[in-house]
Protein backbone atom coordinates (compact mmCIF):
# COMPACT_ATOMS: atom_id res chain seq x y z
CA MET A 1 -0.16 -0.05 -0.06
CA ARG A 2 2.99 2.29 0.66
CA PHE A 3 4.33 1.74 -2.81
CA THR A 4 1.11 2.78 -4.08
CA LYS A 5 1.04 6.13 -2.24
CA LEU A 6 4.51 6.75 -3.56
CA VAL A 7 3.53 6.08 -7.18
CA LEU A 8 0.18 7.86 -6.99
CA SER A 9 2.07 10.92 -5.19
CA ALA A 10 4.66 10.88 -8.29
CA MET A 11 2.30 10.87 -10.97
CA LEU A 12 0.23 13.60 -9.20
CA LEU A 13 3.64 15.90 -9.07
CA VAL A 14 4.64 15.23 -12.33
CA THR A 15 0.86 15.99 -13.78
CA VAL A 16 1.00 19.10 -11.80
CA PHE A 17 4.29 20.58 -12.74
CA SER A 18 4.15 19.57 -16.30
CA ALA A 19 0.77 21.42 -16.91
CA LEU A 20 2.24 24.82 -15.80
CA PRO A 21 1.62 27.26 -18.65
CA VAL A 22 4.29 28.32 -20.98
CA LEU A 23 3.97 32.24 -21.56
CA ALA A 24 5.79 32.50 -24.60
CA GLN A 25 3.39 32.30 -27.86
CA GLU A 26 4.30 31.36 -31.23
CA ASN A 27 3.21 33.28 -34.19
CA LYS A 28 2.84 36.51 -32.82
CA GLU A 29 3.17 39.77 -34.39
CA THR A 30 2.14 43.56 -33.85
CA THR A 31 1.44 45.93 -36.44
CA THR A 32 0.75 49.53 -35.83
CA GLY A 33 -1.50 51.26 -38.44
CA LYS A 34 -2.86 54.74 -38.98
CA ASN A 35 -6.14 53.66 -36.93
CA PHE A 36 -5.08 50.77 -34.80
CA GLU A 37 -2.53 48.72 -33.48
CA LEU A 38 -3.38 45.07 -33.82
CA GLU A 39 -1.65 41.94 -32.58
CA PHE A 40 -3.11 38.73 -34.04
CA TYR A 41 -2.04 35.45 -32.65
CA SER A 42 -3.07 31.88 -32.04
CA SER A 43 -3.04 30.07 -28.74
CA THR A 44 -2.28 26.52 -27.79
CA GLN A 45 -4.08 23.96 -29.72
CA SER A 46 -6.44 21.42 -27.98
CA ILE A 47 -5.18 18.01 -27.71
CA PHE A 48 -8.77 16.64 -27.58
CA ASP A 49 -10.53 18.43 -30.80
CA LYS A 50 -7.69 19.94 -32.41
CA SER A 51 -9.32 23.37 -32.02
CA VAL A 52 -7.20 26.34 -32.00
CA PRO A 53 -7.88 29.76 -30.55
CA ILE A 54 -7.57 33.10 -32.44
CA ASN A 55 -6.79 36.27 -30.56
CA LEU A 56 -6.96 39.51 -32.13
CA LYS A 57 -5.81 42.25 -29.45
CA ILE A 58 -6.80 45.89 -30.60
CA LYS A 59 -5.45 48.86 -29.34
CA SER A 60 -7.53 51.95 -30.76
CA LEU A 61 -5.71 54.97 -31.74
CA ILE A 62 -8.97 56.70 -32.81
CA SER A 63 -12.19 56.98 -30.80
CA SER A 64 -15.45 55.47 -32.62
CA GLU A 65 -18.85 54.73 -31.30
CA ARG A 66 -19.04 51.86 -33.52
CA MET A 67 -16.17 49.70 -34.17
CA GLN A 68 -16.75 46.28 -36.32
CA ILE A 69 -14.48 43.56 -36.39
CA ARG A 70 -14.85 40.79 -39.36
CA TRP A 71 -13.20 37.35 -39.42
CA GLN A 72 -12.74 35.81 -42.64
CA PHE A 73 -11.65 32.07 -42.69
CA PRO A 74 -10.50 30.18 -45.94
CA THR A 75 -12.16 26.81 -46.72
CA GLY A 76 -10.35 24.09 -44.84
CA LEU A 77 -10.94 25.98 -41.15
CA THR A 78 -14.33 26.03 -39.49
CA GLN A 79 -15.21 28.56 -37.13
CA LYS A 80 -16.81 27.85 -33.70
CA GLY A 81 -20.20 29.44 -33.88
CA SER A 82 -21.39 31.69 -36.41
CA ASN A 83 -20.48 35.11 -35.19
CA LYS A 84 -17.87 36.32 -38.00
CA THR A 85 -18.79 39.97 -37.08
CA ILE A 86 -18.54 41.76 -33.70
CA TRP A 87 -19.59 45.31 -32.97
CA THR A 88 -18.37 47.44 -30.12
CA GLU A 89 -17.77 51.01 -28.86
CA ILE A 90 -14.08 52.08 -28.51
CA LYS A 91 -12.04 55.12 -27.20
CA ALA A 92 -8.65 56.45 -28.33
CA GLY A 93 -6.30 54.23 -26.05
CA ASP A 94 -8.64 51.53 -25.27
CA GLU A 95 -7.63 47.99 -25.68
CA VAL A 96 -10.10 45.20 -27.00
CA THR A 97 -9.49 41.48 -27.44
CA ALA A 98 -11.50 39.65 -29.99
CA ARG A 99 -11.33 35.89 -29.58
CA THR A 100 -12.50 33.08 -31.84
CA THR A 101 -11.87 29.41 -32.33
CA VAL A 102 -11.10 27.41 -35.56
CA PHE A 103 -11.08 23.81 -36.28
CA PRO A 104 -8.78 22.48 -39.16
CA GLU A 105 -10.70 19.92 -41.62
CA LYS A 106 -7.43 19.04 -43.50
CA SER A 107 -3.66 19.65 -43.60
CA GLY A 108 -2.23 22.82 -45.29
CA THR A 109 -1.63 26.24 -44.83
CA TYR A 110 -4.67 28.96 -44.34
CA ARG A 111 -4.67 32.42 -44.17
CA VAL A 112 -7.12 33.91 -41.44
CA VAL A 113 -8.02 37.67 -42.12
CA ALA A 114 -9.17 40.18 -39.41
CA GLU A 115 -10.56 43.17 -40.36
CA VAL A 116 -11.02 45.95 -37.80
CA GLN A 117 -13.16 49.16 -39.08
CA ALA A 118 -14.06 52.24 -37.06
CA TRP A 119 -17.45 53.97 -38.50
CA GLN A 120 -17.41 57.71 -37.88
CA ALA A 121 -19.91 60.27 -39.28
CA ASN A 122 -17.32 61.81 -41.68
CA ALA A 123 -15.21 58.61 -42.71
CA ASN A 124 -14.68 55.02 -42.21
CA TYR A 125 -11.02 53.54 -41.06
CA VAL A 126 -10.11 50.10 -41.94
CA ASP A 127 -6.92 48.34 -40.75
CA THR A 128 -6.44 44.66 -41.78
CA LYS A 129 -4.22 42.11 -40.36
CA THR A 130 -3.40 38.46 -41.61
CA LEU A 131 -2.41 35.31 -39.74
CA ASP A 132 -1.23 32.20 -41.67
CA LEU A 133 -1.81 28.75 -39.91
CA THR A 134 -0.26 25.60 -40.99
CA PHE A 135 -1.32 22.29 -40.11
CA ASP A 136 0.43 18.83 -40.45
CA SER A 137 -1.33 15.63 -41.55
CA ASN A 138 -2.35 14.94 -38.06
CA LEU A 139 -4.09 18.44 -38.22
CA GLU A 140 -1.51 19.82 -35.40
CA ILE A 141 -0.38 23.48 -35.89
CA GLN A 142 2.95 24.13 -37.06
CA PRO A 143 5.22 25.19 -35.24
CA GLN A 144 3.57 23.84 -32.11
CA THR A 145 3.94 25.40 -28.73
CA GLU A 146 5.66 23.53 -25.74
CA GLN A 147 2.18 23.85 -23.84
CA PHE A 148 0.64 21.62 -26.35
CA TYR A 149 3.03 18.89 -25.69
CA SER A 150 3.13 19.40 -22.11
CA ASN A 151 -0.66 18.96 -22.31
CA GLN A 152 -0.39 15.62 -24.25
CA ARG A 153 2.17 14.42 -21.62
CA THR A 154 -0.22 15.33 -18.87
CA TRP A 155 -3.20 13.47 -20.76
CA LEU A 156 -1.15 10.45 -21.31
CA LEU A 157 -0.19 10.41 -17.54
CA ALA A 158 -3.74 10.94 -16.47
CA ARG A 159 -4.85 8.07 -18.61
CA ILE A 160 -2.15 5.71 -17.18
CA GLY A 161 -2.94 6.87 -13.70
CA LEU A 162 -6.71 6.08 -14.40
CA VAL A 163 -5.98 2.39 -15.67
CA PHE A 164 -3.58 1.91 -12.68
CA ALA A 165 -6.14 3.26 -10.41
CA GLY A 166 -8.79 0.78 -11.97
CA ILE A 167 -6.42 -2.32 -11.84
CA LEU A 168 -6.12 -1.34 -8.16
CA ALA A 169 -9.69 -0.95 -7.54
CA VAL A 170 -10.46 -4.36 -9.37
CA VAL A 171 -7.81 -6.27 -7.53
CA ILE A 172 -8.63 -4.80 -4.13
CA GLY A 173 -12.59 -5.48 -4.95
CA ILE A 174 -11.79 -9.15 -5.56
CA ARG A 175 -9.70 -9.55 -2.61
CA PHE A 176 -12.49 -7.83 -0.28
CA GLY A 177 -15.27 -9.70 -2.33
CA TYR A 178 -13.64 -13.03 -2.02
CA GLN A 179 -13.02 -12.60 1.83
CA LYS A 180 -16.83 -11.62 2.13
CA PHE A 181 -17.79 -14.60 -0.01
CA THR A 182 -15.85 -17.21 1.84
CA GLU A 183 -17.25 -15.80 5.19
CA TRP A 184 -20.84 -16.04 3.94
CA LEU A 185 -20.05 -19.48 2.62
CA ALA A 186 -18.90 -20.47 6.19
CA ALA A 187 -21.73 -18.92 7.87
CA ASP A 188 -24.16 -21.68 6.68
C-alpha cells in the first residue's frame, strides 16, 4: 500500500508541474497602422478536438462609437459558432481583445484575415491583419507550442493513472469480495 501511495504521489507531482503554462506564444506579431495597433496570434491548440484559439488584440488610436471586427476564414477551417462579425464601441487608447476558435478540416496552410473598421460620421477607417496557420497531416498546428506537448504528456499520465487506479480497484474489490464470499459460505 505504501508503494501505491508513492507512485500516485509521483504521478500527481509530474502531472501538476508539467501542466504549468508556458507564457511564450508562437506566431505573434504586432502591427501599428494609422488607426489601430493590432496583435493577431493563435494560442495553444487543444489536444482533444484539435481546435485553435485565435486572438486579435486591438489598441485603438482613434475614438469610434461603432467599431466592427470581421473574421474571414478560408475553406478548410471551420469557425466555432456563427459570429463572424463583432460590433463594439471604443475610445482612443482603449484595448479590446476579440477571440474565436477554428477547427482544421485538412492539412495545409490557411490565411485567416481580421478586419477592424471604425465607423464615424465623416469617414470609415479600416485596418487589416492576417495570420497564417499551417497544419500537418495530424491536424496539429506547426510550429507547435511547448504547452501543447506538455498537455499531451499530462493527458497520457492521467490515462495511465486511471488505468492503474482501475486495476488497483479491481484487485482490492476481488480480494475484499472473495473474503466476504468465503465468510458468507462459512456462515451456513
